[in-house]
Each structure stands twice: as structure tokens, then as C-alpha cells.
């Protein structure tokens, strides 16, 4: 009987030891899982911070890009206005030179009529200007007429903006060897100034 009790006690002791070992193993596994989870939480927090930082950088880049686009558009507009003012200044300077050439510097010093020669026909004073597009000649305003259905451009070698019917009349005081600038045209026999830069090929127009 004692032997049976000893064996039973030994068996129970072994079972208890095994159970304790199993519980200790489970506790260790749970502890490790908690540690791993904590590490994952730290990493996740880092990723969230990095994501927020990246989003903030993207927002700054978008804002800067928008500001740059607005600046670029304004810069182009300013450059276009400056070029227009330069062209206007050139035209005014050439007109002034032409007026100076036509001016009589000493109008008060005139001979008596009997000594005066008959006036010669007034010669047209031609002023020229050298530009990137070639030599532009300025002359007295003259009426022209297109000799066919002609294309109209927004500048010398510019973009086509219109097509005029044959025999449409216009005025000009500037030309190059290949182009004539349109300064005005006739609508219902009434002349009106050209609202923008307009040029026609010289081969497509004749003097009236």
C-alpha cells in the first residue's frame, strides 16, 4: 500500500512539475508577445510621424508650386507689357526723327517772293530701323489693297489670326522687304485703327 501511495505521490509531483513548466512557457510567450507588440507600436508611431511629415512637405511643395506658377504668369505678362512699351517708344522716336527731318529750322529767314524759286515737290522722308526681324521702313501713310484672299498675322513671321477677302483695303506706314504692317482698315468705307498688331505679306498686297 505504501508503494502505491509513493507512486501516486511521485506521479502527481511529475504532473505538477510538467504543468508548472507549461505555465511558465506560456507566461514567457505572452511576455514576448507583449514586448513585440510594444515594439510594433513604437515603429507604427514612427511611421505615422514620418507620414505626417511627408504630407506637410507635400503641402508646402504644392503651395510653392502654385506661388511659382502665379509668379511665372505675372512675369510673362510684365515682359509682354515691357516689350509693347519698347515697341511704342521706338515708334515714337522714329516719328520724332521724321518730324525733325521735315522741320524747317529757320522759318523766319525767307527770301522775298521775287527771289524765291518755285517749290519742288516734297520728297518723302524715309526712316528705317534695324530689328531682329530685319530692316523696317517707315513712310507716309499709304492705302493698300490685298490682291487675293490673304492671310493676316500677329507679327512678322507670326501666328495667322485672320484671312481677308481679295480687294480688302487697309493703310500702312511700315514695311520690310517681305511684310507690310496694317495700321488701319476700312469697314463700310469708314477707316478704323487696327486694334492689335497685324501684318500681311508684301506679295499679297498692292498700293491703291
N, C-alpha and C. Protein backbone atom coordinates (compact mmCIF):
# COMPACT_ATOMS: atom_id res chain seq x y z
N UNK A 1 0.84 -1.21 0.00
CA UNK A 1 0.00 0.00 0.00
C UNK A 1 0.86 1.25 0.00
N UNK A 2 1.92 1.20 0.78
CA UNK A 2 2.83 2.35 0.83
C UNK A 2 3.45 2.60 -0.54
N UNK A 3 3.74 1.50 -1.18
CA UNK A 3 4.36 1.64 -2.51
C UNK A 3 3.40 2.34 -3.47
N UNK A 4 2.15 2.00 -3.36
CA UNK A 4 1.14 2.63 -4.22
C UNK A 4 1.05 4.12 -3.91
N UNK A 5 1.04 4.46 -2.67
CA UNK A 5 0.97 5.88 -2.28
C UNK A 5 2.19 6.65 -2.77
N UNK A 6 3.35 5.99 -2.65
CA UNK A 6 4.58 6.66 -3.11
C UNK A 6 4.51 6.92 -4.61
N UNK A 7 4.07 5.87 -5.33
CA UNK A 7 3.98 6.02 -6.78
C UNK A 7 2.97 7.09 -7.17
N UNK A 8 1.87 7.12 -6.45
CA UNK A 8 0.85 8.13 -6.75
C UNK A 8 1.35 9.53 -6.46
N UNK A 9 2.04 9.62 -5.34
CA UNK A 9 2.60 10.94 -4.98
C UNK A 9 3.63 11.40 -6.02
N UNK A 10 4.48 10.44 -6.45
CA UNK A 10 5.50 10.77 -7.44
C UNK A 10 4.88 11.20 -8.76
N UNK A 11 3.81 10.47 -9.13
CA UNK A 11 3.13 10.82 -10.39
C UNK A 11 2.51 12.20 -10.34
N UNK A 12 1.88 12.48 -9.22
CA UNK A 12 1.27 13.81 -9.06
C UNK A 12 2.34 14.91 -9.08
N UNK A 13 3.47 14.58 -8.45
CA UNK A 13 4.57 15.58 -8.44
C UNK A 13 5.07 15.86 -9.85
N UNK A 14 5.20 14.78 -10.61
CA UNK A 14 5.67 14.95 -12.01
C UNK A 14 4.67 15.74 -12.83
N UNK A 15 3.40 15.43 -12.63
CA UNK A 15 2.37 16.15 -13.38
C UNK A 15 2.35 17.62 -13.00
N UNK A 16 2.50 17.87 -11.72
CA UNK A 16 2.52 19.27 -11.27
C UNK A 16 3.71 20.01 -11.85
N UNK A 17 4.87 19.31 -11.88
CA UNK A 17 6.07 19.94 -12.43
C UNK A 17 5.89 20.25 -13.92
N UNK A 18 5.31 19.28 -14.62
CA UNK A 18 5.06 19.50 -16.06
C UNK A 18 4.10 20.65 -16.27
N UNK A 19 3.05 20.73 -15.50
CA UNK A 19 2.07 21.81 -15.63
C UNK A 19 2.70 23.16 -15.33
N UNK A 20 3.55 23.16 -14.29
CA UNK A 20 4.22 24.42 -13.93
C UNK A 20 5.15 24.88 -15.05
N UNK A 21 5.84 23.88 -15.62
CA UNK A 21 6.74 24.22 -16.75
C UNK A 21 5.95 24.77 -17.92
N UNK A 22 4.79 24.12 -18.20
CA UNK A 22 3.95 24.57 -19.31
C UNK A 22 3.43 25.98 -19.07
N UNK A 23 3.04 26.25 -17.83
CA UNK A 23 2.53 27.59 -17.49
C UNK A 23 3.64 28.63 -17.62
N UNK A 24 4.84 28.27 -17.15
CA UNK A 24 5.97 29.20 -17.26
C UNK A 24 6.28 29.50 -18.74
N UNK A 25 6.17 28.47 -19.57
CA UNK A 25 6.42 28.66 -21.01
C UNK A 25 5.37 29.60 -21.61
N UNK A 26 4.11 29.38 -21.21
CA UNK A 26 3.03 30.24 -21.72
C UNK A 26 3.25 31.69 -21.28
N UNK A 27 3.64 31.85 -20.00
CA UNK A 27 3.89 33.21 -19.48
C UNK A 27 5.01 33.88 -20.26
N UNK A 28 6.08 33.10 -20.53
CA UNK A 28 7.19 33.65 -21.30
C UNK A 28 6.74 34.08 -22.70
N UNK A 29 5.92 33.20 -23.34
CA UNK A 29 5.42 33.52 -24.69
C UNK A 29 4.57 34.79 -24.66
N UNK A 30 3.71 34.89 -23.66
CA UNK A 30 2.85 36.07 -23.55
C UNK A 30 3.70 37.33 -23.33
N UNK A 31 4.70 37.20 -22.47
CA UNK A 31 5.60 38.35 -22.21
C UNK A 31 6.31 38.78 -23.48
N UNK A 32 6.78 37.78 -24.24
CA UNK A 32 7.47 38.10 -25.51
C UNK A 32 6.51 38.78 -26.49
N UNK A 33 5.27 38.26 -26.55
CA UNK A 33 4.28 38.86 -27.45
C UNK A 33 3.98 40.31 -27.06
N UNK A 34 3.90 40.55 -25.73
CA UNK A 34 3.68 41.93 -25.27
C UNK A 34 4.84 42.83 -25.67
N UNK A 35 6.05 42.30 -25.52
CA UNK A 35 7.24 43.10 -25.89
C UNK A 35 7.24 43.40 -27.39
N UNK A 36 6.95 42.34 -28.18
CA UNK A 36 6.90 42.53 -29.64
C UNK A 36 5.82 43.53 -30.02
N UNK A 37 4.67 43.44 -29.36
CA UNK A 37 3.58 44.37 -29.66
C UNK A 37 3.97 45.80 -29.32
N UNK A 38 4.65 45.97 -28.18
CA UNK A 38 5.11 47.31 -27.79
C UNK A 38 6.09 47.86 -28.82
N UNK A 39 7.00 46.97 -29.29
CA UNK A 39 7.95 47.41 -30.33
C UNK A 39 7.22 47.81 -31.60
N UNK A 40 6.20 47.03 -31.97
CA UNK A 40 5.41 47.37 -33.16
C UNK A 40 4.69 48.70 -33.01
N UNK A 41 4.19 48.96 -31.80
CA UNK A 41 3.53 50.24 -31.55
C UNK A 41 4.50 51.40 -31.72
N UNK A 42 5.74 51.22 -31.25
CA UNK A 42 6.76 52.27 -31.40
C UNK A 42 7.06 52.50 -32.88
N UNK A 43 7.25 51.39 -33.63
CA UNK A 43 7.53 51.51 -35.06
C UNK A 43 6.36 52.16 -35.80
N UNK A 44 5.15 51.76 -35.44
CA UNK A 44 3.96 52.34 -36.07
C UNK A 44 3.87 53.84 -35.80
N UNK A 45 4.23 54.23 -34.57
CA UNK A 45 4.23 55.66 -34.23
C UNK A 45 5.24 56.42 -35.07
N UNK A 46 6.42 55.79 -35.29
CA UNK A 46 7.45 56.42 -36.13
C UNK A 46 6.94 56.59 -37.56
N UNK A 47 6.28 55.53 -38.08
CA UNK A 47 5.77 55.60 -39.45
C UNK A 47 4.70 56.68 -39.58
N UNK A 48 3.83 56.79 -38.56
CA UNK A 48 2.80 57.82 -38.59
C UNK A 48 3.42 59.21 -38.60
N UNK A 49 4.45 59.41 -37.77
CA UNK A 49 5.14 60.71 -37.72
C UNK A 49 5.78 61.04 -39.07
N UNK A 50 6.44 60.00 -39.66
CA UNK A 50 7.07 60.21 -40.97
C UNK A 50 6.03 60.53 -42.04
N UNK A 51 4.87 59.86 -41.98
CA UNK A 51 3.80 60.11 -42.95
C UNK A 51 3.26 61.53 -42.82
N UNK A 52 3.05 61.97 -41.57
CA UNK A 52 2.56 63.34 -41.35
C UNK A 52 3.58 64.34 -41.85
N UNK A 53 4.88 64.08 -41.59
CA UNK A 53 5.93 64.98 -42.05
C UNK A 53 5.96 65.06 -43.58
N UNK A 54 5.81 63.88 -44.22
CA UNK A 54 5.80 63.85 -45.69
C UNK A 54 4.60 64.61 -46.24
N UNK A 55 3.44 64.44 -45.63
CA UNK A 55 2.24 65.16 -46.07
C UNK A 55 2.43 66.66 -45.93
N UNK A 56 3.05 67.07 -44.81
CA UNK A 56 3.31 68.50 -44.61
C UNK A 56 4.26 69.04 -45.68
N UNK A 57 5.31 68.25 -46.00
CA UNK A 57 6.25 68.67 -47.06
C UNK A 57 5.54 68.77 -48.40
N UNK A 58 4.65 67.81 -48.67
CA UNK A 58 3.89 67.86 -49.93
C UNK A 58 3.00 69.10 -50.00
N UNK A 59 2.38 69.44 -48.86
CA UNK A 59 1.54 70.65 -48.83
C UNK A 59 2.38 71.90 -49.10
N UNK A 60 3.58 71.94 -48.51
CA UNK A 60 4.47 73.09 -48.73
C UNK A 60 4.89 73.16 -50.20
N UNK A 61 5.22 71.99 -50.78
CA UNK A 61 5.62 71.95 -52.19
C UNK A 61 4.48 72.39 -53.10
N UNK A 62 3.26 71.94 -52.79
CA UNK A 62 2.11 72.35 -53.61
C UNK A 62 1.91 73.86 -53.53
N UNK A 63 2.04 74.41 -52.32
CA UNK A 63 1.88 75.86 -52.15
C UNK A 63 2.95 76.62 -52.92
N UNK A 64 4.21 76.15 -52.81
CA UNK A 64 5.30 76.82 -53.53
C UNK A 64 5.12 76.72 -55.04
N UNK A 65 4.63 75.55 -55.50
CA UNK A 65 4.39 75.38 -56.93
C UNK A 65 3.31 76.34 -57.42
N UNK A 66 2.26 76.49 -56.64
CA UNK A 66 1.18 77.41 -57.00
C UNK A 66 1.68 78.85 -57.04
N UNK A 67 2.49 79.22 -56.02
CA UNK A 67 3.05 80.57 -55.98
C UNK A 67 3.97 80.79 -57.18
N UNK A 68 4.78 79.77 -57.52
CA UNK A 68 5.68 79.90 -58.66
C UNK A 68 4.91 80.05 -59.97
N UNK A 69 3.83 79.27 -60.10
CA UNK A 69 3.01 79.36 -61.31
C UNK A 69 2.41 80.76 -61.45
N UNK A 70 1.91 81.31 -60.33
CA UNK A 70 1.35 82.66 -60.37
C UNK A 70 2.43 83.68 -60.71
N UNK A 71 3.63 83.50 -60.12
CA UNK A 71 4.73 84.42 -60.41
C UNK A 71 5.14 84.34 -61.87
N UNK A 72 5.21 83.10 -62.39
CA UNK A 72 5.61 82.91 -63.78
C UNK A 72 4.62 83.58 -64.73
N UNK A 73 3.32 83.44 -64.43
CA UNK A 73 2.29 84.06 -65.28
C UNK A 73 2.42 85.59 -65.23
N UNK A 74 2.61 86.14 -64.01
CA UNK A 74 2.77 87.59 -63.89
C UNK A 74 4.03 88.06 -64.59
N UNK A 75 5.10 87.27 -64.47
CA UNK A 75 6.37 87.64 -65.11
C UNK A 75 6.21 87.71 -66.62
N UNK A 76 5.49 86.73 -67.19
CA UNK A 76 5.26 86.75 -68.65
C UNK A 76 4.44 87.97 -69.06
N UNK A 77 3.43 88.29 -68.23
CA UNK A 77 2.59 89.45 -68.54
C UNK A 77 3.41 90.74 -68.49
N UNK A 78 4.26 90.86 -67.45
CA UNK A 78 5.11 92.05 -67.33
C UNK A 78 6.08 92.16 -68.51
N UNK A 79 6.67 91.04 -68.89
CA UNK A 79 7.61 91.06 -70.01
C UNK A 79 6.91 91.48 -71.30
N UNK A 80 5.68 91.00 -71.48
CA UNK A 80 4.91 91.35 -72.68
C UNK A 80 4.60 92.85 -72.69
N UNK A 81 4.23 93.39 -71.52
CA UNK A 81 3.95 94.83 -71.43
C UNK A 81 5.21 95.64 -71.70
N UNK A 82 6.35 95.16 -71.16
CA UNK A 82 7.61 95.88 -71.38
C UNK A 82 7.97 95.90 -72.85
N UNK A 83 7.81 94.74 -73.53
CA UNK A 83 8.12 94.69 -74.96
C UNK A 83 7.21 95.62 -75.75
N UNK A 84 5.93 95.67 -75.37
CA UNK A 84 4.99 96.56 -76.06
C UNK A 84 5.40 98.02 -75.86
N UNK A 85 5.81 98.37 -74.63
CA UNK A 85 6.26 99.73 -74.35
C UNK A 85 7.53 100.06 -75.13
N UNK A 86 8.43 99.09 -75.26
CA UNK A 86 9.66 99.31 -76.04
C UNK A 86 9.32 99.59 -77.50
N UNK A 87 8.40 98.77 -78.05
CA UNK A 87 8.00 98.98 -79.44
C UNK A 87 7.36 100.36 -79.63
N UNK A 88 6.53 100.74 -78.68
CA UNK A 88 5.88 102.06 -78.76
C UNK A 88 6.91 103.17 -78.68
N UNK A 89 7.91 103.00 -77.80
CA UNK A 89 8.97 104.00 -77.66
C UNK A 89 9.78 104.11 -78.95
N UNK A 90 10.08 102.97 -79.58
CA UNK A 90 10.82 103.00 -80.84
C UNK A 90 10.04 103.76 -81.91
N UNK A 91 8.74 103.46 -81.98
CA UNK A 91 7.90 104.13 -82.97
C UNK A 91 7.87 105.65 -82.74
N UNK A 92 7.74 106.05 -81.47
CA UNK A 92 7.71 107.48 -81.14
C UNK A 92 9.04 108.15 -81.48
N UNK A 93 10.15 107.47 -81.19
CA UNK A 93 11.46 108.03 -81.51
C UNK A 93 11.63 108.21 -83.02
N UNK A 94 11.17 107.23 -83.79
CA UNK A 94 11.29 107.33 -85.24
C UNK A 94 10.39 108.44 -85.79
N UNK A 95 9.21 108.57 -85.22
CA UNK A 95 8.33 109.66 -85.65
C UNK A 95 8.94 111.01 -85.33
N UNK A 96 9.58 111.10 -84.17
CA UNK A 96 10.23 112.36 -83.80
C UNK A 96 11.36 112.70 -84.77
N UNK A 97 12.17 111.68 -85.13
CA UNK A 97 13.24 111.91 -86.10
C UNK A 97 12.69 112.38 -87.43
N UNK A 98 11.57 111.76 -87.83
CA UNK A 98 10.96 112.13 -89.10
C UNK A 98 10.45 113.58 -89.06
N UNK A 99 9.82 113.95 -87.94
CA UNK A 99 9.35 115.32 -87.78
C UNK A 99 10.52 116.30 -87.80
N UNK A 100 11.62 115.93 -87.17
CA UNK A 100 12.80 116.79 -87.18
C UNK A 100 13.35 116.95 -88.59
N UNK A 101 13.29 115.85 -89.38
CA UNK A 101 13.79 115.93 -90.75
C UNK A 101 12.91 116.82 -91.61
N UNK A 102 11.59 116.80 -91.33
CA UNK A 102 10.65 117.62 -92.11
C UNK A 102 10.64 119.08 -91.68
N UNK A 103 11.14 119.36 -90.49
CA UNK A 103 11.01 120.71 -89.92
C UNK A 103 11.96 121.70 -90.60
N UNK A 104 11.45 122.90 -90.83
CA UNK A 104 12.29 123.99 -91.33
C UNK A 104 12.94 124.68 -90.14
N UNK A 105 14.26 124.54 -90.00
CA UNK A 105 14.94 125.04 -88.81
C UNK A 105 14.91 126.58 -88.71
N UNK A 106 14.85 127.27 -89.81
CA UNK A 106 14.84 128.74 -89.78
C UNK A 106 13.69 129.27 -90.61
N UNK A 107 12.47 129.11 -90.15
CA UNK A 107 11.32 129.54 -90.97
C UNK A 107 11.25 131.06 -91.13
N UNK A 108 11.87 131.81 -90.21
CA UNK A 108 11.76 133.27 -90.31
C UNK A 108 12.68 133.86 -91.37
N UNK A 109 13.71 133.08 -91.81
CA UNK A 109 14.65 133.59 -92.80
C UNK A 109 14.17 133.18 -94.19
N UNK A 110 13.26 133.95 -94.74
CA UNK A 110 12.71 133.66 -96.05
C UNK A 110 13.03 134.81 -97.02
N UNK A 111 13.36 134.42 -98.24
CA UNK A 111 13.65 135.44 -99.25
C UNK A 111 12.36 136.07 -99.75
N UNK A 112 12.49 137.23 -100.35
CA UNK A 112 11.33 137.87 -100.96
C UNK A 112 10.83 137.00 -102.10
N UNK A 113 9.56 137.13 -102.35
CA UNK A 113 8.91 136.25 -103.32
C UNK A 113 9.59 136.25 -104.67
N UNK A 114 10.07 137.46 -105.10
CA UNK A 114 10.65 137.51 -106.45
C UNK A 114 11.97 136.76 -106.55
N UNK A 115 12.61 136.53 -105.36
CA UNK A 115 13.86 135.78 -105.37
C UNK A 115 13.65 134.29 -105.05
N UNK A 116 12.44 133.99 -104.67
CA UNK A 116 12.19 132.60 -104.30
C UNK A 116 12.01 131.73 -105.54
N UNK A 117 12.55 130.53 -105.46
CA UNK A 117 12.37 129.56 -106.54
C UNK A 117 11.04 128.84 -106.32
N UNK A 118 10.53 128.35 -107.40
CA UNK A 118 9.31 127.57 -107.27
C UNK A 118 9.58 126.33 -106.41
N UNK A 119 8.71 126.08 -105.48
CA UNK A 119 8.95 124.93 -104.58
C UNK A 119 8.94 123.62 -105.34
N UNK A 120 9.90 122.80 -105.01
CA UNK A 120 9.98 121.48 -105.62
C UNK A 120 9.01 120.54 -104.90
N UNK A 121 8.53 119.55 -105.61
CA UNK A 121 7.63 118.59 -104.95
C UNK A 121 8.30 118.01 -103.70
N UNK A 122 7.52 117.92 -102.67
CA UNK A 122 8.05 117.43 -101.39
C UNK A 122 8.45 115.96 -101.52
N UNK A 123 9.68 115.70 -101.11
CA UNK A 123 10.15 114.33 -101.15
C UNK A 123 9.83 113.63 -99.83
N UNK A 124 9.43 112.41 -99.94
CA UNK A 124 9.09 111.65 -98.75
C UNK A 124 10.37 111.32 -97.97
N UNK A 125 10.33 111.61 -96.69
CA UNK A 125 11.46 111.29 -95.83
C UNK A 125 11.26 109.89 -95.29
N UNK A 126 12.17 108.99 -95.62
CA UNK A 126 12.05 107.60 -95.20
C UNK A 126 13.00 107.33 -94.04
N UNK A 127 12.46 106.78 -92.99
CA UNK A 127 13.26 106.44 -91.82
C UNK A 127 13.26 104.93 -91.69
N UNK A 128 14.39 104.36 -91.40
CA UNK A 128 14.48 102.91 -91.25
C UNK A 128 14.98 102.55 -89.86
N UNK A 129 14.69 101.33 -89.48
CA UNK A 129 15.15 100.81 -88.19
C UNK A 129 15.54 99.35 -88.39
N UNK A 130 16.68 98.97 -87.84
CA UNK A 130 17.14 97.59 -87.94
C UNK A 130 16.69 96.84 -86.69
N UNK A 131 15.92 95.78 -86.88
CA UNK A 131 15.44 94.96 -85.76
C UNK A 131 15.86 93.52 -85.99
N UNK A 132 15.49 92.65 -85.04
CA UNK A 132 15.79 91.23 -85.19
C UNK A 132 15.08 90.62 -86.39
N UNK A 133 13.97 91.26 -86.82
CA UNK A 133 13.20 90.75 -87.96
C UNK A 133 13.64 91.36 -89.28
N UNK A 134 14.70 92.17 -89.25
CA UNK A 134 15.18 92.80 -90.46
C UNK A 134 15.03 94.32 -90.41
N UNK A 135 15.13 94.96 -91.57
CA UNK A 135 15.04 96.42 -91.66
C UNK A 135 13.58 96.83 -91.85
N UNK A 136 13.07 97.61 -90.91
CA UNK A 136 11.71 98.14 -91.00
C UNK A 136 11.77 99.55 -91.55
N UNK A 137 11.02 99.82 -92.62
CA UNK A 137 10.99 101.13 -93.26
C UNK A 137 9.71 101.85 -92.84
N UNK A 138 9.85 103.10 -92.38
CA UNK A 138 8.71 103.93 -92.03
C UNK A 138 8.50 104.95 -93.15
N UNK A 139 7.25 105.12 -93.59
CA UNK A 139 6.96 106.01 -94.71
C UNK A 139 5.62 106.70 -94.46
N UNK A 140 5.27 107.61 -95.35
CA UNK A 140 3.99 108.31 -95.24
C UNK A 140 2.85 107.31 -95.34
N UNK A 141 1.81 107.53 -94.55
CA UNK A 141 0.67 106.62 -94.55
C UNK A 141 0.12 106.44 -95.97
N UNK A 142 -0.03 105.20 -96.38
CA UNK A 142 -0.44 104.87 -97.75
C UNK A 142 -1.54 103.81 -97.69
N UNK A 143 -2.42 103.88 -98.68
CA UNK A 143 -3.51 102.89 -98.74
C UNK A 143 -3.10 101.74 -99.65
N UNK A 144 -3.36 100.53 -99.18
CA UNK A 144 -3.06 99.31 -99.92
C UNK A 144 -4.34 98.49 -100.10
N UNK A 145 -4.22 97.45 -100.92
CA UNK A 145 -5.35 96.56 -101.14
C UNK A 145 -4.77 95.15 -101.34
N UNK A 146 -5.36 94.15 -100.65
CA UNK A 146 -4.85 92.79 -100.84
C UNK A 146 -5.27 92.30 -102.22
N UNK A 147 -4.33 91.63 -102.90
CA UNK A 147 -4.57 91.22 -104.29
C UNK A 147 -5.11 89.79 -104.42
N UNK A 148 -5.42 89.17 -103.26
CA UNK A 148 -6.03 87.84 -103.24
C UNK A 148 -6.55 87.59 -101.84
N UNK A 149 -7.19 86.48 -101.62
CA UNK A 149 -7.58 86.12 -100.25
C UNK A 149 -6.29 85.93 -99.45
N UNK A 150 -6.04 86.86 -98.54
CA UNK A 150 -4.72 86.93 -97.90
C UNK A 150 -4.80 86.59 -96.41
N UNK A 151 -3.76 85.91 -95.94
CA UNK A 151 -3.64 85.60 -94.51
C UNK A 151 -3.08 86.80 -93.76
N UNK A 152 -3.63 87.04 -92.56
CA UNK A 152 -3.19 88.13 -91.70
C UNK A 152 -2.50 87.51 -90.48
N UNK A 153 -1.36 88.10 -90.08
CA UNK A 153 -0.56 87.54 -88.98
C UNK A 153 -0.42 88.56 -87.85
N UNK A 154 -0.11 88.04 -86.63
CA UNK A 154 0.02 88.94 -85.47
C UNK A 154 1.42 89.50 -85.32
N UNK A 155 2.28 89.29 -86.30
CA UNK A 155 3.63 89.84 -86.28
C UNK A 155 4.40 89.32 -87.47
N UNK A 156 5.61 89.83 -87.65
CA UNK A 156 6.47 89.34 -88.73
C UNK A 156 6.83 87.89 -88.43
N UNK A 157 6.52 86.99 -89.36
CA UNK A 157 6.68 85.55 -89.16
C UNK A 157 5.88 85.09 -87.93
N UNK A 158 4.73 85.75 -87.69
CA UNK A 158 3.93 85.44 -86.51
C UNK A 158 2.88 84.37 -86.77
N UNK A 159 1.84 84.41 -85.93
CA UNK A 159 0.77 83.42 -85.99
C UNK A 159 -0.39 83.96 -86.84
N UNK A 160 -0.96 83.11 -87.67
CA UNK A 160 -2.09 83.52 -88.50
C UNK A 160 -3.30 83.81 -87.61
N UNK A 161 -3.92 85.01 -87.78
CA UNK A 161 -5.06 85.38 -86.95
C UNK A 161 -6.32 85.67 -87.77
N UNK A 162 -6.19 85.78 -89.10
CA UNK A 162 -7.38 86.09 -89.90
C UNK A 162 -7.07 85.84 -91.37
N UNK A 163 -8.11 85.82 -92.18
CA UNK A 163 -7.97 85.76 -93.64
C UNK A 163 -8.86 86.85 -94.22
N UNK A 164 -8.28 87.76 -95.03
CA UNK A 164 -9.04 88.85 -95.64
C UNK A 164 -9.41 88.48 -97.08
N UNK A 165 -10.61 88.92 -97.46
CA UNK A 165 -11.04 88.71 -98.83
C UNK A 165 -10.24 89.58 -99.79
N UNK A 166 -10.15 89.13 -101.01
CA UNK A 166 -9.46 89.88 -102.05
C UNK A 166 -10.07 91.29 -102.17
N UNK A 167 -9.21 92.29 -102.39
CA UNK A 167 -9.59 93.70 -102.59
C UNK A 167 -9.91 94.43 -101.28
N UNK A 168 -9.71 93.79 -100.14
CA UNK A 168 -9.89 94.50 -98.87
C UNK A 168 -8.81 95.56 -98.74
N UNK A 169 -9.21 96.79 -98.41
CA UNK A 169 -8.28 97.91 -98.33
C UNK A 169 -7.81 98.12 -96.90
N UNK A 170 -6.57 98.62 -96.79
CA UNK A 170 -6.01 98.94 -95.48
C UNK A 170 -4.95 100.01 -95.64
N UNK A 171 -4.51 100.57 -94.52
CA UNK A 171 -3.48 101.60 -94.54
C UNK A 171 -2.24 101.09 -93.81
N UNK A 172 -1.10 101.69 -94.16
CA UNK A 172 0.16 101.28 -93.53
C UNK A 172 1.18 102.41 -93.63
N UNK A 173 2.13 102.39 -92.69
CA UNK A 173 3.27 103.31 -92.77
C UNK A 173 4.56 102.60 -92.39
N UNK A 174 4.51 101.24 -92.35
CA UNK A 174 5.70 100.47 -92.02
C UNK A 174 5.75 99.22 -92.90
N UNK A 175 6.97 98.85 -93.28
CA UNK A 175 7.11 97.64 -94.08
C UNK A 175 8.54 97.13 -94.00
N UNK A 176 8.71 95.88 -94.39
CA UNK A 176 10.03 95.30 -94.59
C UNK A 176 10.07 94.81 -96.03
N UNK A 177 11.11 94.11 -96.37
CA UNK A 177 11.20 93.60 -97.74
C UNK A 177 10.13 92.55 -98.03
N UNK A 178 9.60 91.91 -96.97
CA UNK A 178 8.64 90.83 -97.18
C UNK A 178 7.29 91.05 -96.51
N UNK A 179 7.18 92.07 -95.65
CA UNK A 179 5.96 92.25 -94.86
C UNK A 179 5.50 93.70 -94.87
N UNK A 180 4.18 93.90 -94.71
CA UNK A 180 3.59 95.24 -94.58
C UNK A 180 2.74 95.24 -93.31
N UNK A 181 2.95 96.25 -92.48
CA UNK A 181 2.16 96.34 -91.25
C UNK A 181 0.82 97.01 -91.54
N UNK A 182 -0.25 96.47 -90.97
CA UNK A 182 -1.60 97.04 -91.14
C UNK A 182 -1.86 97.98 -89.97
N UNK A 183 -1.95 99.28 -90.24
CA UNK A 183 -2.21 100.25 -89.17
C UNK A 183 -3.70 100.57 -89.04
N UNK A 184 -4.47 100.28 -90.08
CA UNK A 184 -5.90 100.52 -90.06
C UNK A 184 -6.55 99.91 -91.28
N UNK A 185 -7.86 99.83 -91.28
CA UNK A 185 -8.56 99.25 -92.42
C UNK A 185 -9.96 99.86 -92.51
N UNK A 186 -10.66 99.56 -93.59
CA UNK A 186 -11.94 100.20 -93.86
C UNK A 186 -13.09 99.22 -93.63
N UNK A 187 -14.07 99.69 -92.86
CA UNK A 187 -15.29 98.93 -92.60
C UNK A 187 -16.47 99.77 -93.07
N UNK A 188 -17.20 99.31 -94.08
CA UNK A 188 -18.29 100.10 -94.68
C UNK A 188 -17.80 101.48 -95.11
N UNK A 189 -16.64 101.50 -95.75
CA UNK A 189 -16.00 102.71 -96.27
C UNK A 189 -15.56 103.67 -95.17
N UNK A 190 -15.54 103.21 -93.93
CA UNK A 190 -15.10 104.03 -92.81
C UNK A 190 -13.80 103.45 -92.26
N UNK A 191 -12.78 104.31 -92.15
CA UNK A 191 -11.47 103.83 -91.68
C UNK A 191 -11.49 103.65 -90.18
N UNK A 192 -10.86 102.60 -89.70
CA UNK A 192 -10.70 102.43 -88.26
C UNK A 192 -9.32 101.87 -87.97
N UNK A 193 -8.77 102.27 -86.84
CA UNK A 193 -7.41 101.87 -86.46
C UNK A 193 -7.36 100.39 -86.13
N UNK A 194 -6.25 99.75 -86.49
CA UNK A 194 -6.08 98.33 -86.16
C UNK A 194 -6.02 98.16 -84.65
N UNK A 195 -6.82 97.27 -84.08
CA UNK A 195 -6.86 97.13 -82.62
C UNK A 195 -5.67 96.39 -82.03
N UNK A 196 -4.87 95.74 -82.88
CA UNK A 196 -3.72 94.98 -82.40
C UNK A 196 -2.69 94.89 -83.52
N UNK A 197 -1.57 94.25 -83.22
CA UNK A 197 -0.50 94.07 -84.20
C UNK A 197 -1.01 93.20 -85.35
N UNK A 198 -0.91 93.72 -86.59
CA UNK A 198 -1.40 92.99 -87.76
C UNK A 198 -0.43 93.20 -88.91
N UNK A 199 -0.03 92.10 -89.56
CA UNK A 199 0.89 92.17 -90.69
C UNK A 199 0.37 91.28 -91.82
N UNK A 200 0.72 91.65 -93.06
CA UNK A 200 0.37 90.88 -94.24
C UNK A 200 1.63 90.77 -95.10
N UNK A 201 1.76 89.67 -95.81
CA UNK A 201 2.92 89.52 -96.68
C UNK A 201 2.87 90.55 -97.80
N UNK A 202 4.03 91.15 -98.12
CA UNK A 202 4.09 92.21 -99.12
C UNK A 202 3.64 91.71 -100.49
N UNK A 203 3.87 90.43 -100.77
CA UNK A 203 3.47 89.88 -102.06
C UNK A 203 1.96 89.77 -102.20
N UNK A 204 1.23 89.86 -101.07
CA UNK A 204 -0.22 89.71 -101.10
C UNK A 204 -0.95 91.06 -101.16
N UNK A 205 -0.21 92.17 -101.30
CA UNK A 205 -0.85 93.49 -101.29
C UNK A 205 -0.22 94.42 -102.31
N UNK A 206 -1.04 95.35 -102.84
CA UNK A 206 -0.57 96.36 -103.79
C UNK A 206 -1.06 97.74 -103.33
N UNK A 207 -0.34 98.78 -103.74
CA UNK A 207 -0.80 100.15 -103.45
C UNK A 207 -2.05 100.44 -104.27
N UNK A 208 -2.94 101.19 -103.68
CA UNK A 208 -4.16 101.59 -104.42
C UNK A 208 -3.85 102.76 -105.33
